[in-house]
Amino acid sequence: MHAPPEIIRIHSRRVACDGSGDGIPAALGHPRIFLEIDEHGYVDCGYCDRRFVLEGGPADTPDIVNKPDISSGASL
């Protein structure tokens, strides 16, 4: 298992990801998907592997990089 390329802390359980950011224009990203954070407190994008962590949630700890991938809950 390897660490996700980017960890983004958010305030909402629902997040949209299109792969843009960090100098990547939206046109070069991936289709926009909506992810839902469940009781684990984080979710990973199945396209770009970004990890979205709910601030103050159960996964908002320094060892978040060691947790397994959770990409369930993705919807178009």
Protein backbone atom coordinates (compact mmCIF):
# COMPACT_ATOMS: atom_id res chain seq x y z
CA MET A 1 0.00 0.00 0.00
CA HIS A 2 1.25 3.48 -0.80
CA ALA A 3 0.25 6.87 0.53
CA PRO A 4 -2.35 8.81 -1.44
CA PRO A 5 -0.89 11.59 -3.57
CA GLU A 6 -2.93 14.31 -1.90
CA ILE A 7 -4.98 14.62 1.29
CA ILE A 8 -7.67 17.30 1.38
CA ARG A 9 -9.45 18.13 4.63
CA ILE A 10 -13.06 19.23 4.16
CA HIS A 11 -16.02 20.34 6.30
CA SER A 12 -18.81 18.52 4.45
CA ARG A 13 -19.59 14.80 4.11
CA ARG A 14 -20.32 15.25 0.39
CA VAL A 15 -17.57 16.36 -1.98
CA ALA A 16 -17.18 16.72 -5.74
CA CYS A 17 -13.89 15.80 -7.41
CA ASP A 18 -12.89 16.48 -11.01
CA GLY A 19 -9.12 16.03 -10.74
CA SER A 20 -8.37 19.73 -11.18
CA GLY A 21 -6.22 21.80 -8.86
CA ASP A 22 -2.50 21.90 -8.13
CA GLY A 23 -1.91 23.50 -11.53
CA ILE A 24 -4.11 20.99 -13.38
CA PRO A 25 -6.90 22.71 -15.34
CA ALA A 26 -10.35 21.10 -15.13
CA ALA A 27 -10.19 20.17 -18.83
CA LEU A 28 -7.24 17.87 -18.10
CA GLY A 29 -8.72 16.28 -14.98
CA HIS A 30 -11.37 13.56 -14.94
CA PRO A 31 -15.19 13.49 -15.05
CA ARG A 32 -16.73 15.19 -12.03
CA ILE A 33 -17.89 12.65 -9.46
CA PHE A 34 -19.54 13.11 -6.11
CA LEU A 35 -18.19 11.23 -3.11
CA GLU A 36 -19.88 10.65 0.22
CA ILE A 37 -17.87 10.30 3.43
CA ASP A 38 -19.28 7.56 5.64
CA GLU A 39 -18.61 6.53 9.25
CA HIS A 40 -14.91 5.97 8.48
CA GLY A 41 -14.43 9.74 8.12
CA TYR A 42 -12.71 9.71 4.71
CA VAL A 43 -13.11 8.67 1.08
CA ASP A 44 -10.72 8.29 -1.86
CA CYS A 45 -11.36 9.40 -5.43
CA GLY A 46 -11.26 6.38 -7.72
CA TYR A 47 -9.83 8.44 -10.58
CA CYS A 48 -7.06 10.56 -9.08
CA ASP A 49 -6.59 8.89 -5.66
CA ARG A 50 -7.10 12.12 -3.72
CA ARG A 51 -8.15 11.40 -0.17
CA PHE A 52 -10.86 13.60 1.32
CA VAL A 53 -10.90 13.66 5.13
CA LEU A 54 -13.72 15.08 7.22
CA GLU A 55 -12.19 17.65 9.60
CA GLY A 56 -12.79 16.60 13.19
CA GLY A 57 -13.98 13.17 12.04
CA PRO A 58 -12.72 9.77 13.17
CA ALA A 59 -10.02 9.66 10.47
CA ASP A 60 -8.66 13.17 11.07
CA THR A 61 -5.47 11.85 12.68
CA PRO A 62 -1.80 11.82 11.70
CA ASP A 63 -2.02 8.14 10.66
CA ILE A 64 -4.59 8.84 7.88
CA VAL A 65 -2.00 7.92 5.22
CA ASN A 66 -1.89 4.35 6.59
CA LYS A 67 -5.61 3.69 6.28
CA PRO A 68 -6.87 1.49 3.39
CA ASP A 69 -8.50 2.93 0.29
CA ILE A 70 -12.22 3.63 0.56
CA SER A 71 -13.72 4.60 -2.77
CA SER A 72 -17.25 3.37 -2.17
CA GLY A 73 -20.01 5.92 -2.32
CA ALA A 74 -18.87 7.36 -5.62
CA SER A 75 -21.72 8.39 -7.87
CA LEU A 76 -21.99 10.18 -11.20
